[in-house]
Structure formats: structure tokens, C-alpha cells
Amino acid sequence: MNRFKHHPESVAWQETDLQAVGLTPEQCTAAVQWVGPDGVVASGSDAAARVLIVAGLPWSLAGRMMFVPGIRAIAQRSYRWVANNRYRFRGDPLPQ
């Protein structure tokens, strides 16, 4: 079942010319990165919000809400918590 109308291309950072898009390996290991067709770079919860915006309705509404002050702060803290605790979730057995 296809839940998104539009799918951004997903590329492993190890297979990307990071210098060409203005990123470092450290940034890529710390958080998910978004590089838009217009060259805009976003990280962490902002990157997740941009994926939702591109996905089309109804997801784009949630993505736009993630940029609202207050909600953005909660999204950023939530993203950081999940990133810092990802080893607790199934599929990533090694703590960092």
C-alpha cells in the first residue's frame, strides 16, 4: 500500500558526494539529512518535516505543523530522544 503520493529519493550518505551538498560525515551520522532539489539542507526533525511536506496531503499538513514554534521545539526534542535511544528499538542492537 502506497501511503505517500511522492517519494523523495533516499541515498545512503556513504554513497554521496557530501562536499558537493555541503555536509560532513559527522552531520550524517548524527541525524537524518534532507537536501532539496533547490539545494536547501535540513537536519533531524526539520528533515523529517520536509519529507512529509513533499509526500502530499494529508502528510504535508503534519510536516508544515512541525515548523510551528512550540511544535518545532517538541519535534526537535522528540527526534533527538529517538536518535539517542535508537539502539533500544528493534533492528539496532548496539548502544552508542
C-alpha atoms as a PDB file:
ATOM      1  CA  MET A   1       0.000   0.000   0.000  1.00  0.00           C
ATOM      2  CA  ASN A   2       1.457   3.346  -1.072  1.00  0.00           C
ATOM      3  CA  ARG A   3       0.858   5.898   1.685  1.00  0.00           C
ATOM      4  CA  PHE A   4       2.805   8.794   0.133  1.00  0.00           C
ATOM      5  CA  LYS A   5       1.905  10.446  -3.168  1.00  0.00           C
ATOM      6  CA  HIS A   6       5.518  11.486  -3.737  1.00  0.00           C
ATOM      7  CA  HIS A   7       8.639   9.705  -2.555  1.00  0.00           C
ATOM      8  CA  PRO A   8      11.858  11.656  -2.189  1.00  0.00           C
ATOM      9  CA  GLU A   9      14.938   9.774  -3.285  1.00  0.00           C
ATOM     10  CA  SER A  10      16.749   8.125  -0.389  1.00  0.00           C
ATOM     11  CA  VAL A  11      20.519   7.851  -0.741  1.00  0.00           C
ATOM     12  CA  ALA A  12      22.996   6.438   1.762  1.00  0.00           C
ATOM     13  CA  TRP A  13      25.365   9.192   2.861  1.00  0.00           C
ATOM     14  CA  GLN A  14      28.315   6.853   2.300  1.00  0.00           C
ATOM     15  CA  GLU A  15      27.423   6.836  -1.407  1.00  0.00           C
ATOM     16  CA  THR A  16      27.015  10.615  -1.670  1.00  0.00           C
ATOM     17  CA  ASP A  17      29.497  13.366  -2.525  1.00  0.00           C
ATOM     18  CA  LEU A  18      28.958  15.106   0.826  1.00  0.00           C
ATOM     19  CA  GLN A  19      31.187  18.048  -0.035  1.00  0.00           C
ATOM     20  CA  ALA A  20      29.027  18.775  -3.094  1.00  0.00           C
ATOM     21  CA  VAL A  21      25.913  19.120  -0.906  1.00  0.00           C
ATOM     22  CA  GLY A  22      27.648  20.884   1.980  1.00  0.00           C
ATOM     23  CA  LEU A  23      27.513  18.074   4.545  1.00  0.00           C
ATOM     24  CA  THR A  24      30.045  16.207   6.655  1.00  0.00           C
ATOM     25  CA  PRO A  25      30.129  12.560   7.751  1.00  0.00           C
ATOM     26  CA  GLU A  26      29.639  13.755  11.336  1.00  0.00           C
ATOM     27  CA  GLN A  27      26.403  15.549  10.422  1.00  0.00           C
ATOM     28  CA  CYS A  28      25.144  12.477   8.594  1.00  0.00           C
ATOM     29  CA  THR A  29      25.851  10.099  11.464  1.00  0.00           C
ATOM     30  CA  ALA A  30      24.256  12.486  13.967  1.00  0.00           C
ATOM     31  CA  ALA A  31      20.914  12.924  12.178  1.00  0.00           C
ATOM     32  CA  VAL A  32      18.959  12.279   9.009  1.00  0.00           C
ATOM     33  CA  GLN A  33      19.672  14.896   6.337  1.00  0.00           C
ATOM     34  CA  TRP A  34      17.452  16.430   3.664  1.00  0.00           C
ATOM     35  CA  VAL A  35      18.886  18.005   0.530  1.00  0.00           C
ATOM     36  CA  GLY A  36      16.090  19.505  -1.503  1.00  0.00           C
ATOM     37  CA  PRO A  37      16.071  19.984  -5.264  1.00  0.00           C
ATOM     38  CA  ASP A  38      16.644  23.679  -4.581  1.00  0.00           C
ATOM     39  CA  GLY A  39      19.766  22.873  -2.529  1.00  0.00           C
ATOM     40  CA  VAL A  40      18.124  23.554   0.850  1.00  0.00           C
ATOM     41  CA  VAL A  41      19.698  21.358   3.541  1.00  0.00           C
ATOM     42  CA  ALA A  42      17.772  20.380   6.665  1.00  0.00           C
ATOM     43  CA  SER A  43      18.687  18.060   9.521  1.00  0.00           C
ATOM     44  CA  GLY A  44      16.889  15.944  12.114  1.00  0.00           C
ATOM     45  CA  SER A  45      13.236  16.768  12.705  1.00  0.00           C
ATOM     46  CA  ASP A  46      13.377  19.561  10.102  1.00  0.00           C
ATOM     47  CA  ALA A  47      14.467  16.971   7.518  1.00  0.00           C
ATOM     48  CA  ALA A  48      11.626  14.662   8.563  1.00  0.00           C
ATOM     49  CA  ALA A  49       9.180  17.566   8.248  1.00  0.00           C
ATOM     50  CA  ARG A  50      10.382  18.285   4.705  1.00  0.00           C
ATOM     51  CA  VAL A  51       9.868  14.636   3.729  1.00  0.00           C
ATOM     52  CA  LEU A  52       6.292  14.865   4.984  1.00  0.00           C
ATOM     53  CA  ILE A  53       5.691  18.133   3.122  1.00  0.00           C
ATOM     54  CA  VAL A  54       6.828  16.574  -0.156  1.00  0.00           C
ATOM     55  CA  ALA A  55       4.714  13.462   0.482  1.00  0.00           C
ATOM     56  CA  GLY A  56       1.481  15.325  -0.262  1.00  0.00           C
ATOM     57  CA  LEU A  57      -1.791  15.507   1.644  1.00  0.00           C
ATOM     58  CA  PRO A  58      -2.512  14.689   4.416  1.00  0.00           C
ATOM     59  CA  TRP A  59       1.178  14.244   5.378  1.00  0.00           C
ATOM     60  CA  SER A  60       2.159  17.710   4.192  1.00  0.00           C
ATOM     61  CA  LEU A  61      -0.084  19.261   6.842  1.00  0.00           C
ATOM     62  CA  ALA A  62       1.780  17.392   9.580  1.00  0.00           C
ATOM     63  CA  GLY A  63       5.101  18.429   8.047  1.00  0.00           C
ATOM     64  CA  ARG A  64       4.119  22.094   7.992  1.00  0.00           C
ATOM     65  CA  MET A  65       2.903  21.870  11.589  1.00  0.00           C
ATOM     66  CA  MET A  66       6.356  20.651  12.591  1.00  0.00           C
ATOM     67  CA  PHE A  67       7.728  24.131  11.758  1.00  0.00           C
ATOM     68  CA  VAL A  68       5.280  25.982  14.016  1.00  0.00           C
ATOM     69  CA  PRO A  69       7.106  27.460  17.037  1.00  0.00           C
ATOM     70  CA  GLY A  70       6.457  25.323  20.092  1.00  0.00           C
ATOM     71  CA  ILE A  71       5.604  22.294  17.984  1.00  0.00           C
ATOM     72  CA  ARG A  72       9.013  22.579  16.321  1.00  0.00           C
ATOM     73  CA  ALA A  73      10.725  22.537  19.735  1.00  0.00           C
ATOM     74  CA  ILE A  74       8.790  19.398  20.705  1.00  0.00           C
ATOM     75  CA  ALA A  75       9.602  17.754  17.350  1.00  0.00           C
ATOM     76  CA  GLN A  76      13.294  18.538  17.783  1.00  0.00           C
ATOM     77  CA  ARG A  77      13.405  17.129  21.322  1.00  0.00           C
ATOM     78  CA  SER A  78      11.446  14.059  20.232  1.00  0.00           C
ATOM     79  CA  TYR A  79      13.746  13.471  17.262  1.00  0.00           C
ATOM     80  CA  ARG A  80      16.830  13.783  19.471  1.00  0.00           C
ATOM     81  CA  TRP A  81      15.375  11.337  22.033  1.00  0.00           C
ATOM     82  CA  VAL A  82      14.641   8.744  19.343  1.00  0.00           C
ATOM     83  CA  ALA A  83      18.094   9.254  17.776  1.00  0.00           C
ATOM     84  CA  ASN A  84      19.839   8.909  21.141  1.00  0.00           C
ATOM     85  CA  ASN A  85      17.856   5.781  22.032  1.00  0.00           C
ATOM     86  CA  ARG A  86      17.656   4.085  18.642  1.00  0.00           C
ATOM     87  CA  TYR A  87      19.656   1.118  19.930  1.00  0.00           C
ATOM     88  CA  ARG A  88      16.681   0.270  22.149  1.00  0.00           C
ATOM     89  CA  PHE A  89      14.454  -0.218  19.129  1.00  0.00           C
ATOM     90  CA  ARG A  90      14.325  -3.465  17.237  1.00  0.00           C
ATOM     91  CA  GLY A  91      16.900  -3.742  14.494  1.00  0.00           C
ATOM     92  CA  ASP A  92      19.750  -1.733  16.055  1.00  0.00           C
ATOM     93  CA  PRO A  93      21.196  -3.890  18.849  1.00  0.00           C
ATOM     94  CA  LEU A  94      24.312  -1.843  19.622  1.00  0.00           C
ATOM     95  CA  PRO A  95      24.194   1.103  22.032  1.00  0.00           C
ATOM     96  CA  GLN A  96      26.359   4.108  21.188  1.00  0.00           C
END
